[in-house]
């Protein structure tokens, strides 16, 4: 769902978003998960880079500022890949593969949680 206020575009995502905001939940993330994400996502906060070590599924990744502005998107990130630190990123939203394309998620938009 999209909502526009002035020149700013706000969106929601059609998933249940789990939050990883402790050392242990951030460390574990989606590692060792065997089934692909379907109707859920994971918000890792604080976070400005990710790795896909010990992952067996691919994901879409959205990097967000403290204000939830989208500053980088990575589609179909495969296991055993890395995304270097993203300047200005404060959080990472991990979503099912295809989410970025299917929801037309774009850099410069804001996500409401």
PDB file of N, CA and C in Angstrom:
ATOM      1  N   UNK A   1       0.836  -1.176   0.000  1.00  0.00           N
ATOM      2  CA  UNK A   1       0.000   0.000   0.000  1.00  0.00           C
ATOM      3  C   UNK A   1       0.885   1.244   0.000  1.00  0.00           C
ATOM      4  N   UNK A   2       0.576   2.197  -0.832  1.00  0.00           N
ATOM      5  CA  UNK A   2       1.330   3.436  -0.947  1.00  0.00           C
ATOM      6  C   UNK A   2       0.516   4.598  -0.416  1.00  0.00           C
ATOM      7  N   UNK A   3       1.231   5.558   0.179  1.00  0.00           N
ATOM      8  CA  UNK A   3       0.597   6.774   0.676  1.00  0.00           C
ATOM      9  C   UNK A   3       1.568   7.911   0.403  1.00  0.00           C
ATOM     10  N   UNK A   4       1.070   9.013  -0.136  1.00  0.00           N
ATOM     11  CA  UNK A   4       1.936  10.139  -0.462  1.00  0.00           C
ATOM     12  C   UNK A   4       1.590  11.322   0.426  1.00  0.00           C
ATOM     13  N   UNK A   5       2.645  11.934   1.007  1.00  0.00           N
ATOM     14  CA  UNK A   5       2.498  13.162   1.788  1.00  0.00           C
ATOM     15  C   UNK A   5       3.478  14.162   1.220  1.00  0.00           C
ATOM     16  N   UNK A   6       2.979  15.196   0.572  1.00  0.00           N
ATOM     17  CA  UNK A   6       3.870  16.147  -0.090  1.00  0.00           C
ATOM     18  C   UNK A   6       4.607  15.431  -1.211  1.00  0.00           C
ATOM     19  N   UNK A   7       5.926  15.497  -1.165  1.00  0.00           N
ATOM     20  CA  UNK A   7       6.746  14.821  -2.168  1.00  0.00           C
ATOM     21  C   UNK A   7       7.293  13.494  -1.660  1.00  0.00           C
ATOM     22  N   UNK A   8       6.846  13.057  -0.484  1.00  0.00           N
ATOM     23  CA  UNK A   8       7.369  11.839   0.135  1.00  0.00           C
ATOM     24  C   UNK A   8       6.391  10.691  -0.059  1.00  0.00           C
ATOM     25  N   UNK A   9       6.907   9.560  -0.516  1.00  0.00           N
ATOM     26  CA  UNK A   9       6.088   8.376  -0.752  1.00  0.00           C
ATOM     27  C   UNK A   9       6.320   7.374   0.369  1.00  0.00           C
ATOM     28  N   UNK A  10       5.268   7.022   1.079  1.00  0.00           N
ATOM     29  CA  UNK A  10       5.319   6.043   2.158  1.00  0.00           C
ATOM     30  C   UNK A  10       4.658   4.758   1.683  1.00  0.00           C
ATOM     31  N   UNK A  11       5.167   3.623   2.124  1.00  0.00           N
ATOM     32  CA  UNK A  11       4.586   2.339   1.740  1.00  0.00           C
ATOM     33  C   UNK A  11       4.583   1.415   2.944  1.00  0.00           C
ATOM     34  N   UNK A  12       3.725   0.427   2.857  1.00  0.00           N
ATOM     35  CA  UNK A  12       3.736  -0.683   3.806  1.00  0.00           C
ATOM     36  C   UNK A  12       4.060  -1.933   3.001  1.00  0.00           C
ATOM     37  N   UNK A  13       4.492  -2.968   3.682  1.00  0.00           N
ATOM     38  CA  UNK A  13       4.764  -4.233   2.999  1.00  0.00           C
ATOM     39  C   UNK A  13       3.742  -5.257   3.473  1.00  0.00           C
ATOM     40  N   UNK A  14       3.304  -6.149   2.576  1.00  0.00           N
ATOM     41  CA  UNK A  14       2.208  -7.078   2.906  1.00  0.00           C
ATOM     42  C   UNK A  14       2.681  -8.334   3.637  1.00  0.00           C
ATOM     43  N   UNK A  15       3.538  -8.147   4.630  1.00  0.00           N
ATOM     44  CA  UNK A  15       4.098  -9.283   5.357  1.00  0.00           C
ATOM     45  C   UNK A  15       4.073  -9.011   6.850  1.00  0.00           C
ATOM     46  N   UNK A  16       4.101 -10.075   7.618  1.00  0.00           N
ATOM     47  CA  UNK A  16       4.345  -9.960   9.046  1.00  0.00           C
ATOM     48  C   UNK A  16       5.844  -9.752   9.205  1.00  0.00           C
ATOM     49  N   UNK A  17       6.240  -8.677   9.863  1.00  0.00           N
ATOM     50  CA  UNK A  17       7.652  -8.363  10.012  1.00  0.00           C
ATOM     51  C   UNK A  17       8.087  -8.680  11.438  1.00  0.00           C
ATOM     52  N   UNK A  18       9.019  -9.623  11.541  1.00  0.00           N
ATOM     53  CA  UNK A  18       9.626  -9.952  12.824  1.00  0.00           C
ATOM     54  C   UNK A  18      10.803  -9.013  13.034  1.00  0.00           C
ATOM     55  N   UNK A  19      11.146  -8.764  14.292  1.00  0.00           N
ATOM     56  CA  UNK A  19      12.207  -7.809  14.615  1.00  0.00           C
ATOM     57  C   UNK A  19      13.371  -8.529  15.280  1.00  0.00           C
ATOM     58  N   UNK A  20      14.572  -8.301  14.768  1.00  0.00           N
ATOM     59  CA  UNK A  20      15.793  -8.837  15.380  1.00  0.00           C
ATOM     60  C   UNK A  20      16.595  -7.647  15.885  1.00  0.00           C
ATOM     61  N   UNK A  21      16.511  -7.388  17.197  1.00  0.00           N
ATOM     62  CA  UNK A  21      17.159  -6.195  17.742  1.00  0.00           C
ATOM     63  C   UNK A  21      17.993  -6.473  18.991  1.00  0.00           C
ATOM     64  N   UNK A  22      18.272  -7.742  19.249  1.00  0.00           N
ATOM     65  CA  UNK A  22      19.195  -8.091  20.323  1.00  0.00           C
ATOM     66  C   UNK A  22      20.421  -8.746  19.684  1.00  0.00           C
ATOM     67  N   UNK A  23      21.491  -8.862  20.438  1.00  0.00           N
ATOM     68  CA  UNK A  23      22.700  -9.466  19.879  1.00  0.00           C
ATOM     69  C   UNK A  23      22.396 -10.849  19.316  1.00  0.00           C
ATOM     70  N   UNK A  24      21.711 -11.683  20.069  1.00  0.00           N
ATOM     71  CA  UNK A  24      21.452 -13.053  19.620  1.00  0.00           C
ATOM     72  C   UNK A  24      20.518 -13.113  18.418  1.00  0.00           C
ATOM     73  N   UNK A  25      19.448 -12.346  18.423  1.00  0.00           N
ATOM     74  CA  UNK A  25      18.517 -12.403  17.292  1.00  0.00           C
ATOM     75  C   UNK A  25      19.142 -11.807  16.036  1.00  0.00           C
ATOM     76  N   UNK A  26      19.967 -10.770  16.207  1.00  0.00           N
ATOM     77  CA  UNK A  26      20.660 -10.186  15.049  1.00  0.00           C
ATOM     78  C   UNK A  26      21.705 -11.159  14.516  1.00  0.00           C
ATOM     79  N   UNK A  27      22.417 -11.813  15.422  1.00  0.00           N
ATOM     80  CA  UNK A  27      23.450 -12.763  15.008  1.00  0.00           C
ATOM     81  C   UNK A  27      22.850 -13.937  14.242  1.00  0.00           C
ATOM     82  N   UNK A  28      21.754 -14.467  14.760  1.00  0.00           N
ATOM     83  CA  UNK A  28      21.129 -15.630  14.115  1.00  0.00           C
ATOM     84  C   UNK A  28      20.426 -15.238  12.818  1.00  0.00           C
ATOM     85  N   UNK A  29      19.679 -14.145  12.835  1.00  0.00           N
ATOM     86  CA  UNK A  29      18.958 -13.727  11.636  1.00  0.00           C
ATOM     87  C   UNK A  29      18.164 -14.876  11.043  1.00  0.00           C
ATOM     88  N   UNK A  30      18.399 -15.173   9.778  1.00  0.00           N
ATOM     89  CA  UNK A  30      17.711 -16.275   9.099  1.00  0.00           C
ATOM     90  C   UNK A  30      18.642 -17.466   8.853  1.00  0.00           C
ATOM     91  N   UNK A  31      19.815 -17.443   9.500  1.00  0.00           N
ATOM     92  CA  UNK A  31      20.749 -18.558   9.311  1.00  0.00           C
ATOM     93  C   UNK A  31      20.086 -19.878   9.668  1.00  0.00           C
ATOM     94  N   UNK A  32      20.402 -20.894   8.916  1.00  0.00           N
ATOM     95  CA  UNK A  32      19.962 -22.269   9.124  1.00  0.00           C
ATOM     96  C   UNK A  32      18.485 -22.491   8.809  1.00  0.00           C
ATOM     97  N   UNK A  33      17.804 -21.472   8.349  1.00  0.00           N
ATOM     98  CA  UNK A  33      16.408 -21.639   7.950  1.00  0.00           C
ATOM     99  C   UNK A  33      16.356 -22.503   6.696  1.00  0.00           C
ATOM    100  N   UNK A  34      15.472 -23.479   6.669  1.00  0.00           N
ATOM    101  CA  UNK A  34      15.401 -24.415   5.545  1.00  0.00           C
ATOM    102  C   UNK A  34      14.295 -24.059   4.537  1.00  0.00           C
ATOM    103  N   UNK A  35      13.250 -23.391   5.002  1.00  0.00           N
ATOM    104  CA  UNK A  35      12.139 -23.069   4.106  1.00  0.00           C
ATOM    105  C   UNK A  35      12.190 -21.593   3.701  1.00  0.00           C
ATOM    106  N   UNK A  36      11.876 -21.290   2.460  1.00  0.00           N
ATOM    107  CA  UNK A  36      11.891 -19.887   2.001  1.00  0.00           C
ATOM    108  C   UNK A  36      10.888 -19.035   2.778  1.00  0.00           C
ATOM    109  N   UNK A  37      11.187 -17.747   2.876  1.00  0.00           N
ATOM    110  CA  UNK A  37      10.224 -16.816   3.448  1.00  0.00           C
ATOM    111  C   UNK A  37       9.007 -16.778   2.539  1.00  0.00           C
ATOM    112  N   UNK A  38       7.831 -16.668   3.149  1.00  0.00           N
ATOM    113  CA  UNK A  38       6.613 -16.611   2.352  1.00  0.00           C
ATOM    114  C   UNK A  38       5.805 -15.363   2.694  1.00  0.00           C
ATOM    115  N   UNK A  39       5.214 -15.326   3.848  1.00  0.00           N
ATOM    116  CA  UNK A  39       4.380 -14.197   4.258  1.00  0.00           C
ATOM    117  C   UNK A  39       4.992 -13.439   5.423  1.00  0.00           C
ATOM    118  N   UNK A  40       6.329 -13.464   5.498  1.00  0.00           N
ATOM    119  CA  UNK A  40       7.004 -12.816   6.615  1.00  0.00           C
ATOM    120  C   UNK A  40       8.317 -12.204   6.163  1.00  0.00           C
ATOM    121  N   UNK A  41       8.812 -11.308   6.975  1.00  0.00           N
ATOM    122  CA  UNK A  41      10.107 -10.687   6.750  1.00  0.00           C
ATOM    123  C   UNK A  41      10.797 -10.504   8.075  1.00  0.00           C
ATOM    124  N   UNK A  42      12.059 -10.090   8.034  1.00  0.00           N
ATOM    125  CA  UNK A  42      12.840  -9.880   9.248  1.00  0.00           C
ATOM    126  C   UNK A  42      13.496  -8.514   9.169  1.00  0.00           C
ATOM    127  N   UNK A  43      13.272  -7.684  10.193  1.00  0.00           N
ATOM    128  CA  UNK A  43      13.901  -6.376  10.309  1.00  0.00           C
ATOM    129  C   UNK A  43      15.053  -6.512  11.295  1.00  0.00           C
ATOM    130  N   UNK A  44      16.275  -6.302  10.816  1.00  0.00           N
ATOM    131  CA  UNK A  44      17.462  -6.383  11.667  1.00  0.00           C
ATOM    132  C   UNK A  44      17.900  -4.958  11.963  1.00  0.00           C
ATOM    133  N   UNK A  45      17.949  -4.644  13.267  1.00  0.00           N
ATOM    134  CA  UNK A  45      18.234  -3.275  13.678  1.00  0.00           C
ATOM    135  C   UNK A  45      19.081  -3.263  14.944  1.00  0.00           C
ATOM    136  N   UNK A  46      20.166  -2.558  15.048  1.00  0.00           N
ATOM    137  CA  UNK A  46      20.823  -1.817  13.983  1.00  0.00           C
ATOM    138  C   UNK A  46      21.605  -2.764  13.078  1.00  0.00           C
ATOM    139  N   UNK A  47      21.755  -2.372  11.820  1.00  0.00           N
ATOM    140  CA  UNK A  47      22.463  -3.204  10.852  1.00  0.00           C
ATOM    141  C   UNK A  47      22.716  -2.389   9.585  1.00  0.00           C
ATOM    142  N   UNK A  48      23.936  -2.497   9.031  1.00  0.00           N
ATOM    143  CA  UNK A  48      24.229  -1.786   7.783  1.00  0.00           C
ATOM    144  C   UNK A  48      24.877  -2.678   6.725  1.00  0.00           C
ATOM    145  N   UNK A  49      25.023  -3.972   7.026  1.00  0.00           N
ATOM    146  CA  UNK A  49      25.553  -4.932   6.054  1.00  0.00           C
ATOM    147  C   UNK A  49      25.066  -6.317   6.454  1.00  0.00           C
ATOM    148  N   UNK A  50      25.079  -7.244   5.495  1.00  0.00           N
ATOM    149  CA  UNK A  50      24.664  -8.605   5.834  1.00  0.00           C
ATOM    150  C   UNK A  50      25.541  -9.618   5.114  1.00  0.00           C
ATOM    151  N   UNK A  51      25.499 -10.823   5.638  1.00  0.00           N
ATOM    152  CA  UNK A  51      26.145 -11.956   4.981  1.00  0.00           C
ATOM    153  C   UNK A  51      25.108 -13.059   4.863  1.00  0.00           C
ATOM    154  N   UNK A  52      25.335 -13.947   3.929  1.00  0.00           N
ATOM    155  CA  UNK A  52      24.409 -15.055   3.697  1.00  0.00           C
ATOM    156  C   UNK A  52      25.063 -16.397   4.038  1.00  0.00           C
ATOM    157  N   UNK A  53      26.060 -16.353   4.939  1.00  0.00           N
ATOM    158  CA  UNK A  53      26.719 -17.585   5.371  1.00  0.00           C
ATOM    159  C   UNK A  53      25.721 -18.483   6.088  1.00  0.00           C
ATOM    160  N   UNK A  54      25.822 -19.761   5.847  1.00  0.00           N
ATOM    161  CA  UNK A  54      24.973 -20.777   6.475  1.00  0.00           C
ATOM    162  C   UNK A  54      23.499 -20.625   6.114  1.00  0.00           C
ATOM    163  N   UNK A  55      23.236 -19.920   5.020  1.00  0.00           N
ATOM    164  CA  UNK A  55      21.863 -19.765   4.537  1.00  0.00           C
ATOM    165  C   UNK A  55      21.628 -20.780   3.428  1.00  0.00           C
ATOM    166  N   UNK A  56      20.411 -21.289   3.358  1.00  0.00           N
ATOM    167  CA  UNK A  56      20.066 -22.216   2.278  1.00  0.00           C
ATOM    168  C   UNK A  56      18.962 -21.642   1.390  1.00  0.00           C
ATOM    169  N   UNK A  57      18.555 -20.405   1.673  1.00  0.00           N
ATOM    170  CA  UNK A  57      17.502 -19.744   0.898  1.00  0.00           C
ATOM    171  C   UNK A  57      18.002 -18.399   0.376  1.00  0.00           C
ATOM    172  N   UNK A  58      17.424 -17.928  -0.696  1.00  0.00           N
ATOM    173  CA  UNK A  58      17.696 -16.588  -1.211  1.00  0.00           C
ATOM    174  C   UNK A  58      16.661 -15.628  -0.638  1.00  0.00           C
ATOM    175  N   UNK A  59      16.995 -14.342  -0.587  1.00  0.00           N
ATOM    176  CA  UNK A  59      16.088 -13.324  -0.051  1.00  0.00           C
ATOM    177  C   UNK A  59      16.240 -12.032  -0.850  1.00  0.00           C
ATOM    178  N   UNK A  60      15.253 -11.157  -0.728  1.00  0.00           N
ATOM    179  CA  UNK A  60      15.367  -9.772  -1.170  1.00  0.00           C
ATOM    180  C   UNK A  60      15.744  -8.954   0.055  1.00  0.00           C
ATOM    181  N   UNK A  61      16.556  -7.915  -0.147  1.00  0.00           N
ATOM    182  CA  UNK A  61      17.074  -7.134   0.978  1.00  0.00           C
ATOM    183  C   UNK A  61      16.847  -5.653   0.725  1.00  0.00           C
ATOM    184  N   UNK A  62      16.367  -4.956   1.769  1.00  0.00           N
ATOM    185  CA  UNK A  62      16.120  -3.528   1.700  1.00  0.00           C
ATOM    186  C   UNK A  62      16.887  -2.865   2.848  1.00  0.00           C
ATOM    187  N   UNK A  63      17.769  -1.922   2.505  1.00  0.00           N
ATOM    188  CA  UNK A  63      18.531  -1.183   3.510  1.00  0.00           C
ATOM    189  C   UNK A  63      17.813   0.130   3.803  1.00  0.00           C
ATOM    190  N   UNK A  64      17.683   0.445   5.096  1.00  0.00           N
ATOM    191  CA  UNK A  64      16.895   1.596   5.542  1.00  0.00           C
ATOM    192  C   UNK A  64      17.719   2.524   6.436  1.00  0.00           C
ATOM    193  N   UNK A  65      17.409   3.825   6.377  1.00  0.00           N
ATOM    194  CA  UNK A  65      17.988   4.787   7.302  1.00  0.00           C
ATOM    195  C   UNK A  65      17.221   4.724   8.627  1.00  0.00           C
ATOM    196  N   UNK A  66      17.633   5.534   9.599  1.00  0.00           N
ATOM    197  CA  UNK A  66      16.920   5.599  10.879  1.00  0.00           C
ATOM    198  C   UNK A  66      15.470   6.039  10.697  1.00  0.00           C
ATOM    199  N   UNK A  67      15.208   6.811   9.648  1.00  0.00           N
ATOM    200  CA  UNK A  67      13.850   7.300   9.361  1.00  0.00           C
ATOM    201  C   UNK A  67      13.073   6.363   8.454  1.00  0.00           C
ATOM    202  N   UNK A  68      13.632   5.165   8.200  1.00  0.00           N
ATOM    203  CA  UNK A  68      13.025   4.137   7.353  1.00  0.00           C
ATOM    204  C   UNK A  68      12.959   4.522   5.880  1.00  0.00           C
ATOM    205  N   UNK A  69      13.892   5.387   5.446  1.00  0.00           N
ATOM    206  CA  UNK A  69      14.005   5.673   4.022  1.00  0.00           C
ATOM    207  C   UNK A  69      14.808   4.552   3.362  1.00  0.00           C
ATOM    208  N   UNK A  70      14.346   4.095   2.224  1.00  0.00           N
ATOM    209  CA  UNK A  70      15.038   3.042   1.487  1.00  0.00           C
ATOM    210  C   UNK A  70      16.229   3.665   0.761  1.00  0.00           C
ATOM    211  N   UNK A  71      17.444   3.131   1.060  1.00  0.00           N
ATOM    212  CA  UNK A  71      18.634   3.689   0.417  1.00  0.00           C
ATOM    213  C   UNK A  71      19.355   2.672  -0.470  1.00  0.00           C
ATOM    214  N   UNK A  72      19.000   1.400  -0.364  1.00  0.00           N
ATOM    215  CA  UNK A  72      19.578   0.385  -1.252  1.00  0.00           C
ATOM    216  C   UNK A  72      18.655  -0.825  -1.247  1.00  0.00           C
ATOM    217  N   UNK A  73      18.514  -1.455  -2.406  1.00  0.00           N
ATOM    218  CA  UNK A  73      17.767  -2.705  -2.517  1.00  0.00           C
ATOM    219  C   UNK A  73      18.645  -3.737  -3.220  1.00  0.00           C
ATOM    220  N   UNK A  74      18.532  -4.975  -2.787  1.00  0.00           N
ATOM    221  CA  UNK A  74      19.264  -6.086  -3.407  1.00  0.00           C
ATOM    222  C   UNK A  74      18.250  -7.197  -3.651  1.00  0.00           C
ATOM    223  N   UNK A  75      18.041  -7.521  -4.911  1.00  0.00           N
ATOM    224  CA  UNK A  75      17.091  -8.567  -5.261  1.00  0.00           C
ATOM    225  C   UNK A  75      17.769  -9.927  -5.346  1.00  0.00           C
ATOM    226  N   UNK A  76      17.063 -10.946  -4.880  1.00  0.00           N
ATOM    227  CA  UNK A  76      17.468 -12.342  -5.026  1.00  0.00           C
ATOM    228  C   UNK A  76      18.912 -12.592  -4.569  1.00  0.00           C
ATOM    229  N   UNK A  77      19.219 -12.178  -3.343  1.00  0.00           N
ATOM    230  CA  UNK A  77      20.542 -12.404  -2.772  1.00  0.00           C
ATOM    231  C   UNK A  77      20.681 -13.878  -2.409  1.00  0.00           C
ATOM    232  N   UNK A  78      21.663 -14.510  -2.968  1.00  0.00           N
ATOM    233  CA  UNK A  78      21.845 -15.959  -2.843  1.00  0.00           C
ATOM    234  C   UNK A  78      22.680 -16.318  -1.621  1.00  0.00           C
ATOM    235  N   UNK A  79      22.554 -17.578  -1.149  1.00  0.00           N
ATOM    236  CA  UNK A  79      23.379 -18.038  -0.030  1.00  0.00           C
ATOM    237  C   UNK A  79      24.870 -17.856  -0.306  1.00  0.00           C
ATOM    238  N   UNK A  80      25.612 -17.601   0.759  1.00  0.00           N
ATOM    239  CA  UNK A  80      27.064 -17.456   0.751  1.00  0.00           C
ATOM    240  C   UNK A  80      27.535 -16.206   0.005  1.00  0.00           C
ATOM    241  N   UNK A  81      26.670 -15.189  -0.060  1.00  0.00           N
ATOM    242  CA  UNK A  81      27.057 -13.905  -0.636  1.00  0.00           C
ATOM    243  C   UNK A  81      27.116 -12.864   0.493  1.00  0.00           C
ATOM    244  N   UNK A  82      27.721 -11.729   0.193  1.00  0.00           N
ATOM    245  CA  UNK A  82      27.886 -10.657   1.170  1.00  0.00           C
ATOM    246  C   UNK A  82      27.421  -9.343   0.564  1.00  0.00           C
ATOM    247  N   UNK A  83      26.936  -8.446   1.420  1.00  0.00           N
ATOM    248  CA  UNK A  83      26.662  -7.070   1.019  1.00  0.00           C
ATOM    249  C   UNK A  83      27.501  -6.203   1.946  1.00  0.00           C
ATOM    250  N   UNK A  84      28.422  -5.453   1.370  1.00  0.00           N
ATOM    251  CA  UNK A  84      29.310  -4.584   2.142  1.00  0.00           C
ATOM    252  C   UNK A  84      28.497  -3.534   2.895  1.00  0.00           C
ATOM    253  N   UNK A  85      29.094  -2.936   3.926  1.00  0.00           N
ATOM    254  CA  UNK A  85      28.373  -1.887   4.667  1.00  0.00           C
ATOM    255  C   UNK A  85      27.842  -0.799   3.734  1.00  0.00           C
ATOM    256  N   UNK A  86      26.606  -0.407   3.998  1.00  0.00           N
ATOM    257  CA  UNK A  86      25.930   0.615   3.207  1.00  0.00           C
ATOM    258  C   UNK A  86      25.926   1.904   4.017  1.00  0.00           C
ATOM    259  N   UNK A  87      26.570   2.930   3.471  1.00  0.00           N
ATOM    260  CA  UNK A  87      26.660   4.207   4.172  1.00  0.00           C
ATOM    261  C   UNK A  87      25.263   4.771   4.446  1.00  0.00           C
ATOM    262  N   UNK A  88      25.015   5.119   5.694  1.00  0.00           N
ATOM    263  CA  UNK A  88      23.733   5.694   6.091  1.00  0.00           C
ATOM    264  C   UNK A  88      22.688   4.671   6.505  1.00  0.00           C
ATOM    265  N   UNK A  89      22.959   3.388   6.286  1.00  0.00           N
ATOM    266  CA  UNK A  89      21.972   2.355   6.653  1.00  0.00           C
ATOM    267  C   UNK A  89      21.963   2.149   8.163  1.00  0.00           C
ATOM    268  N   UNK A  90      20.771   1.998   8.696  1.00  0.00           N
ATOM    269  CA  UNK A  90      20.589   1.746  10.124  1.00  0.00           C
ATOM    270  C   UNK A  90      19.869   0.412  10.359  1.00  0.00           C
ATOM    271  N   UNK A  91      19.190  -0.077   9.335  1.00  0.00           N
ATOM    272  CA  UNK A  91      18.422  -1.314   9.473  1.00  0.00           C
ATOM    273  C   UNK A  91      18.374  -2.026   8.126  1.00  0.00           C
ATOM    274  N   UNK A  92      18.141  -3.340   8.210  1.00  0.00           N
ATOM    275  CA  UNK A  92      17.996  -4.162   7.016  1.00  0.00           C
ATOM    276  C   UNK A  92      16.688  -4.924   7.115  1.00  0.00           C
ATOM    277  N   UNK A  93      15.919  -4.881   6.055  1.00  0.00           N
ATOM    278  CA  UNK A  93      14.668  -5.623   5.980  1.00  0.00           C
ATOM    279  C   UNK A  93      14.871  -6.777   5.004  1.00  0.00           C
ATOM    280  N   UNK A  94      14.759  -8.007   5.502  1.00  0.00           N
ATOM    281  CA  UNK A  94      14.920  -9.195   4.680  1.00  0.00           C
ATOM    282  C   UNK A  94      13.531  -9.719   4.331  1.00  0.00           C
ATOM    283  N   UNK A  95      13.292  -9.892   3.033  1.00  0.00           N
ATOM    284  CA  UNK A  95      11.958 -10.233   2.527  1.00  0.00           C
ATOM    285  C   UNK A  95      12.015 -11.443   1.606  1.00  0.00           C
ATOM    286  N   UNK A  96      10.868 -12.054   1.329  1.00  0.00           N
ATOM    287  CA  UNK A  96      10.840 -13.153   0.364  1.00  0.00           C
ATOM    288  C   UNK A  96      11.345 -12.707  -1.006  1.00  0.00           C
ATOM    289  N   UNK A  97      11.985 -13.617  -1.716  1.00  0.00           N
ATOM    290  CA  UNK A  97      12.442 -13.330  -3.075  1.00  0.00           C
ATOM    291  C   UNK A  97      11.246 -12.891  -3.929  1.00  0.00           C
ATOM    292  N   UNK A  98      11.446 -11.846  -4.687  1.00  0.00           N
ATOM    293  CA  UNK A  98      10.389 -11.305  -5.547  1.00  0.00           C
ATOM    294  C   UNK A  98       9.650 -10.137  -4.930  1.00  0.00           C
ATOM    295  N   UNK A  99       9.852  -9.880  -3.650  1.00  0.00           N
ATOM    296  CA  UNK A  99       9.123  -8.808  -2.962  1.00  0.00           C
ATOM    297  C   UNK A  99       9.434  -7.438  -3.537  1.00  0.00           C
ATOM    298  N   UNK A 100      10.707  -7.181  -3.825  1.00  0.00           N
ATOM    299  CA  UNK A 100      11.095  -5.866  -4.332  1.00  0.00           C
ATOM    300  C   UNK A 100      10.413  -5.608  -5.676  1.00  0.00           C
ATOM    301  N   UNK A 101      10.466  -6.574  -6.559  1.00  0.00           N
ATOM    302  CA  UNK A 101       9.852  -6.424  -7.887  1.00  0.00           C
ATOM    303  C   UNK A 101       8.326  -6.399  -7.787  1.00  0.00           C
ATOM    304  N   UNK A 102       7.752  -7.367  -7.068  1.00  0.00           N
ATOM    305  CA  UNK A 102       6.290  -7.475  -6.995  1.00  0.00           C
ATOM    306  C   UNK A 102       5.631  -6.274  -6.320  1.00  0.00           C
ATOM    307  N   UNK A 103       6.314  -5.678  -5.347  1.00  0.00           N
ATOM    308  CA  UNK A 103       5.758  -4.526  -4.630  1.00  0.00           C
ATOM    309  C   UNK A 103       6.303  -3.203  -5.149  1.00  0.00           C
ATOM    310  N   UNK A 104       7.147  -3.263  -6.175  1.00  0.00           N
ATOM    311  CA  UNK A 104       7.755  -2.046  -6.759  1.00  0.00           C
ATOM    312  C   UNK A 104       8.440  -1.197  -5.694  1.00  0.00           C
ATOM    313  N   UNK A 105       9.207  -1.836  -4.827  1.00  0.00           N
ATOM    314  CA  UNK A 105       9.943  -1.131  -3.771  1.00  0.00           C
ATOM    315  C   UNK A 105      11.122  -0.415  -4.423  1.00  0.00           C
ATOM    316  N   UNK A 106      11.263   0.895  -4.112  1.00  0.00           N
ATOM    317  CA  UNK A 106      12.277   1.709  -4.767  1.00  0.00           C
ATOM    318  C   UNK A 106      13.068   2.549  -3.769  1.00  0.00           C
ATOM    319  N   UNK A 107      14.323   2.798  -4.114  1.00  0.00           N
ATOM    320  CA  UNK A 107      15.158   3.718  -3.340  1.00  0.00           C
ATOM    321  C   UNK A 107      14.483   5.074  -3.304  1.00  0.00           C
ATOM    322  N   UNK A 108      14.501   5.699  -2.123  1.00  0.00           N
ATOM    323  CA  UNK A 108      13.896   7.024  -1.941  1.00  0.00           C
ATOM    324  C   UNK A 108      12.539   6.977  -1.298  1.00  0.00           C
ATOM    325  N   UNK A 109      11.883   5.829  -1.317  1.00  0.00           N
ATOM    326  CA  UNK A 109      10.596   5.683  -0.632  1.00  0.00           C
ATOM    327  C   UNK A 109      10.851   5.455   0.859  1.00  0.00           C
ATOM    328  N   UNK A 110       9.795   5.566   1.652  1.00  0.00           N
ATOM    329  CA  UNK A 110       9.853   5.297   3.090  1.00  0.00           C
ATOM    330  C   UNK A 110       8.935   4.123   3.394  1.00  0.00           C
ATOM    331  N   UNK A 111       9.327   3.305   4.360  1.00  0.00           N
ATOM    332  CA  UNK A 111       8.490   2.182   4.781  1.00  0.00           C
ATOM    333  C   UNK A 111       7.941   2.463   6.164  1.00  0.00           C
ATOM    334  N   UNK A 112       6.636   2.268   6.326  1.00  0.00           N
ATOM    335  CA  UNK A 112       5.987   2.378   7.636  1.00  0.00           C
ATOM    336  C   UNK A 112       5.907   1.005   8.276  1.00  0.00           C
ATOM    337  N   UNK A 113       6.218   0.920   9.537  1.00  0.00           N
ATOM    338  CA  UNK A 113       6.079  -0.331  10.292  1.00  0.00           C
ATOM    339  C   UNK A 113       5.041  -0.156  11.364  1.00  0.00           C
TER     340      UNK A 113
END
